Amino acid sequence: MSGKTTPDESDDVHDEDAGQPPPLTAAQAAAAAIEHLVELTSKEPQGATSVEPTDHGWTVEVEVLEDRRIPSSADMLALYEVEIDLDGNLLAYRRTKRYGRGSSDIGERDRR
């Protein structure tokens, strides 16, 4: 084996030297946002309800179980908006809505 690199190998090294990791997929962004939210709030996530790319990363909306009640149809849920950067680091989060399970106006959201 010689110390020379083939053109294919040198391309791979160049890509790594560029310091450009592959961008997060929407699914990876949602998973990172949920992980950060659980770490900060200790609330039980129900799932991501929306994922939108931004100039600086992703905005993910996560539905969370805020208050478990009996019967479960009386549970209180909340929507959180989580902003993460292109590396999956948390930039900001905020609760945008709180509502009872089964509420019919959940999908109504301000469009920017």
C-alpha atoms as a PDB file:
ATOM      1  CA  MET A   1       0.000   0.000   0.000  1.00  0.00           C
ATOM      2  CA  SER A   2       1.351   3.379  -0.956  1.00  0.00           C
ATOM      3  CA  GLY A   3       0.895   6.677   0.853  1.00  0.00           C
ATOM      4  CA  LYS A   4      -0.841   8.200  -2.167  1.00  0.00           C
ATOM      5  CA  THR A   5      -4.547   8.866  -2.115  1.00  0.00           C
ATOM      6  CA  THR A   6      -6.854   8.216  -5.002  1.00  0.00           C
ATOM      7  CA  PRO A   7      -9.050  11.034  -6.288  1.00  0.00           C
ATOM      8  CA  ASP A   8     -12.039   9.413  -4.564  1.00  0.00           C
ATOM      9  CA  GLU A   9     -10.243   9.327  -1.199  1.00  0.00           C
ATOM     10  CA  SER A  10      -9.058  12.905  -1.503  1.00  0.00           C
ATOM     11  CA  ASP A  11     -12.637  14.040  -2.217  1.00  0.00           C
ATOM     12  CA  ASP A  12     -13.780  12.377   1.008  1.00  0.00           C
ATOM     13  CA  VAL A  13     -11.037  14.074   2.992  1.00  0.00           C
ATOM     14  CA  HIS A  14     -11.907  17.423   1.421  1.00  0.00           C
ATOM     15  CA  ASP A  15     -15.562  17.065   2.426  1.00  0.00           C
ATOM     16  CA  GLU A  16     -14.570  16.364   6.036  1.00  0.00           C
ATOM     17  CA  ASP A  17     -12.117  19.280   6.040  1.00  0.00           C
ATOM     18  CA  ALA A  18     -14.869  21.621   4.871  1.00  0.00           C
ATOM     19  CA  GLY A  19     -16.491  21.132   8.285  1.00  0.00           C
ATOM     20  CA  GLN A  20     -19.924  20.854   6.739  1.00  0.00           C
ATOM     21  CA  PRO A  21     -21.832  18.088   8.516  1.00  0.00           C
ATOM     22  CA  PRO A  22     -24.865  16.805   6.683  1.00  0.00           C
ATOM     23  CA  PRO A  23     -27.903  18.946   7.529  1.00  0.00           C
ATOM     24  CA  LEU A  24     -30.508  17.594   9.921  1.00  0.00           C
ATOM     25  CA  THR A  25     -33.491  15.902   8.356  1.00  0.00           C
ATOM     26  CA  ALA A  26     -36.968  16.908   9.517  1.00  0.00           C
ATOM     27  CA  ALA A  27     -37.225  13.674  11.521  1.00  0.00           C
ATOM     28  CA  GLN A  28     -33.859  14.300  13.221  1.00  0.00           C
ATOM     29  CA  ALA A  29     -34.881  17.889  13.989  1.00  0.00           C
ATOM     30  CA  ALA A  30     -38.139  16.698  15.571  1.00  0.00           C
ATOM     31  CA  ALA A  31     -36.325  14.079  17.664  1.00  0.00           C
ATOM     32  CA  ALA A  32     -33.759  16.638  18.864  1.00  0.00           C
ATOM     33  CA  ALA A  33     -36.487  19.142  19.752  1.00  0.00           C
ATOM     34  CA  ILE A  34     -38.437  16.533  21.730  1.00  0.00           C
ATOM     35  CA  GLU A  35     -35.283  15.457  23.559  1.00  0.00           C
ATOM     36  CA  HIS A  36     -34.468  19.049  24.558  1.00  0.00           C
ATOM     37  CA  LEU A  37     -38.041  19.738  25.671  1.00  0.00           C
ATOM     38  CA  VAL A  38     -38.201  16.615  27.851  1.00  0.00           C
ATOM     39  CA  GLU A  39     -34.857  17.524  29.429  1.00  0.00           C
ATOM     40  CA  LEU A  40     -36.073  21.026  30.301  1.00  0.00           C
ATOM     41  CA  THR A  41     -39.693  20.402  31.287  1.00  0.00           C
ATOM     42  CA  SER A  42     -39.802  16.728  32.370  1.00  0.00           C
ATOM     43  CA  LYS A  43     -43.188  16.586  30.631  1.00  0.00           C
ATOM     44  CA  GLU A  44     -44.369  13.602  28.587  1.00  0.00           C
ATOM     45  CA  PRO A  45     -44.258  14.374  24.850  1.00  0.00           C
ATOM     46  CA  GLN A  46     -47.112  13.095  22.709  1.00  0.00           C
ATOM     47  CA  GLY A  47     -45.244  13.817  19.471  1.00  0.00           C
ATOM     48  CA  ALA A  48     -44.216  16.471  16.998  1.00  0.00           C
ATOM     49  CA  THR A  49     -47.157  18.167  15.312  1.00  0.00           C
ATOM     50  CA  SER A  50     -45.161  20.259  12.826  1.00  0.00           C
ATOM     51  CA  VAL A  51     -41.595  20.726  11.622  1.00  0.00           C
ATOM     52  CA  GLU A  52     -40.577  23.767   9.571  1.00  0.00           C
ATOM     53  CA  PRO A  53     -37.134  24.750   8.271  1.00  0.00           C
ATOM     54  CA  THR A  54     -35.898  28.260   9.053  1.00  0.00           C
ATOM     55  CA  ASP A  55     -32.880  30.274   7.931  1.00  0.00           C
ATOM     56  CA  HIS A  56     -30.977  29.204  11.056  1.00  0.00           C
ATOM     57  CA  GLY A  57     -32.317  25.700  11.710  1.00  0.00           C
ATOM     58  CA  TRP A  58     -35.753  24.275  12.458  1.00  0.00           C
ATOM     59  CA  THR A  59     -38.931  25.218  14.308  1.00  0.00           C
ATOM     60  CA  VAL A  60     -40.693  22.189  15.752  1.00  0.00           C
ATOM     61  CA  GLU A  61     -44.106  22.170  17.417  1.00  0.00           C
ATOM     62  CA  VAL A  62     -44.436  19.479  20.081  1.00  0.00           C
ATOM     63  CA  GLU A  63     -47.596  18.331  21.845  1.00  0.00           C
ATOM     64  CA  VAL A  64     -46.995  17.566  25.526  1.00  0.00           C
ATOM     65  CA  LEU A  65     -49.082  16.027  28.303  1.00  0.00           C
ATOM     66  CA  GLU A  66     -49.162  18.835  30.889  1.00  0.00           C
ATOM     67  CA  ASP A  67     -51.519  17.375  33.489  1.00  0.00           C
ATOM     68  CA  ARG A  68     -52.746  13.780  33.656  1.00  0.00           C
ATOM     69  CA  ARG A  69     -56.318  13.471  34.959  1.00  0.00           C
ATOM     70  CA  ILE A  70     -58.913  10.794  35.514  1.00  0.00           C
ATOM     71  CA  PRO A  71     -60.589  10.119  33.164  1.00  0.00           C
ATOM     72  CA  SER A  72     -57.869  10.581  30.552  1.00  0.00           C
ATOM     73  CA  SER A  73     -60.308  12.541  28.381  1.00  0.00           C
ATOM     74  CA  ALA A  74     -59.881  15.349  30.957  1.00  0.00           C
ATOM     75  CA  ASP A  75     -56.059  15.474  30.499  1.00  0.00           C
ATOM     76  CA  MET A  76     -54.511  18.880  29.865  1.00  0.00           C
ATOM     77  CA  LEU A  77     -52.201  19.075  26.854  1.00  0.00           C
ATOM     78  CA  ALA A  78     -49.995  21.861  25.558  1.00  0.00           C
ATOM     79  CA  LEU A  79     -48.225  22.850  22.371  1.00  0.00           C
ATOM     80  CA  TYR A  80     -44.626  23.981  22.623  1.00  0.00           C
ATOM     81  CA  GLU A  81     -42.670  25.689  19.872  1.00  0.00           C
ATOM     82  CA  VAL A  82     -39.024  24.608  19.917  1.00  0.00           C
ATOM     83  CA  GLU A  83     -36.322  26.288  17.849  1.00  0.00           C
ATOM     84  CA  ILE A  84     -33.111  24.383  17.139  1.00  0.00           C
ATOM     85  CA  ASP A  85     -30.080  25.263  15.038  1.00  0.00           C
ATOM     86  CA  LEU A  86     -28.665  23.266  12.141  1.00  0.00           C
ATOM     87  CA  ASP A  87     -26.595  21.169  14.569  1.00  0.00           C
ATOM     88  CA  GLY A  88     -29.633  20.232  16.694  1.00  0.00           C
ATOM     89  CA  ASN A  89     -28.769  22.601  19.561  1.00  0.00           C
ATOM     90  CA  LEU A  90     -31.614  24.299  21.405  1.00  0.00           C
ATOM     91  CA  LEU A  91     -32.056  27.996  20.606  1.00  0.00           C
ATOM     92  CA  ALA A  92     -35.416  28.680  22.283  1.00  0.00           C
ATOM     93  CA  TYR A  93     -38.688  27.130  23.375  1.00  0.00           C
ATOM     94  CA  ARG A  94     -42.046  28.452  24.498  1.00  0.00           C
ATOM     95  CA  ARG A  95     -45.494  27.109  25.352  1.00  0.00           C
ATOM     96  CA  THR A  96     -47.900  28.484  22.780  1.00  0.00           C
ATOM     97  CA  LYS A  97     -51.168  26.852  23.803  1.00  0.00           C
ATOM     98  CA  ARG A  98     -52.771  24.847  26.608  1.00  0.00           C
ATOM     99  CA  TYR A  99     -55.993  22.897  26.104  1.00  0.00           C
ATOM    100  CA  GLY A 100     -58.049  19.921  27.203  1.00  0.00           C
ATOM    101  CA  ARG A 101     -57.683  16.622  25.391  1.00  0.00           C
ATOM    102  CA  GLY A 102     -60.302  16.366  22.672  1.00  0.00           C
ATOM    103  CA  SER A 103     -60.519  20.129  22.157  1.00  0.00           C
ATOM    104  CA  SER A 104     -61.713  20.838  18.625  1.00  0.00           C
ATOM    105  CA  ASP A 105     -59.800  24.073  17.878  1.00  0.00           C
ATOM    106  CA  ILE A 106     -56.245  22.717  18.265  1.00  0.00           C
ATOM    107  CA  GLY A 107     -55.370  23.033  14.586  1.00  0.00           C
ATOM    108  CA  GLU A 108     -56.081  26.772  14.491  1.00  0.00           C
ATOM    109  CA  ARG A 109     -52.730  28.452  14.561  1.00  0.00           C
ATOM    110  CA  ASP A 110     -51.483  31.898  13.614  1.00  0.00           C
ATOM    111  CA  ARG A 111     -49.727  31.874  10.259  1.00  0.00           C
ATOM    112  CA  ARG A 112     -46.807  34.217   9.923  1.00  0.00           C
END
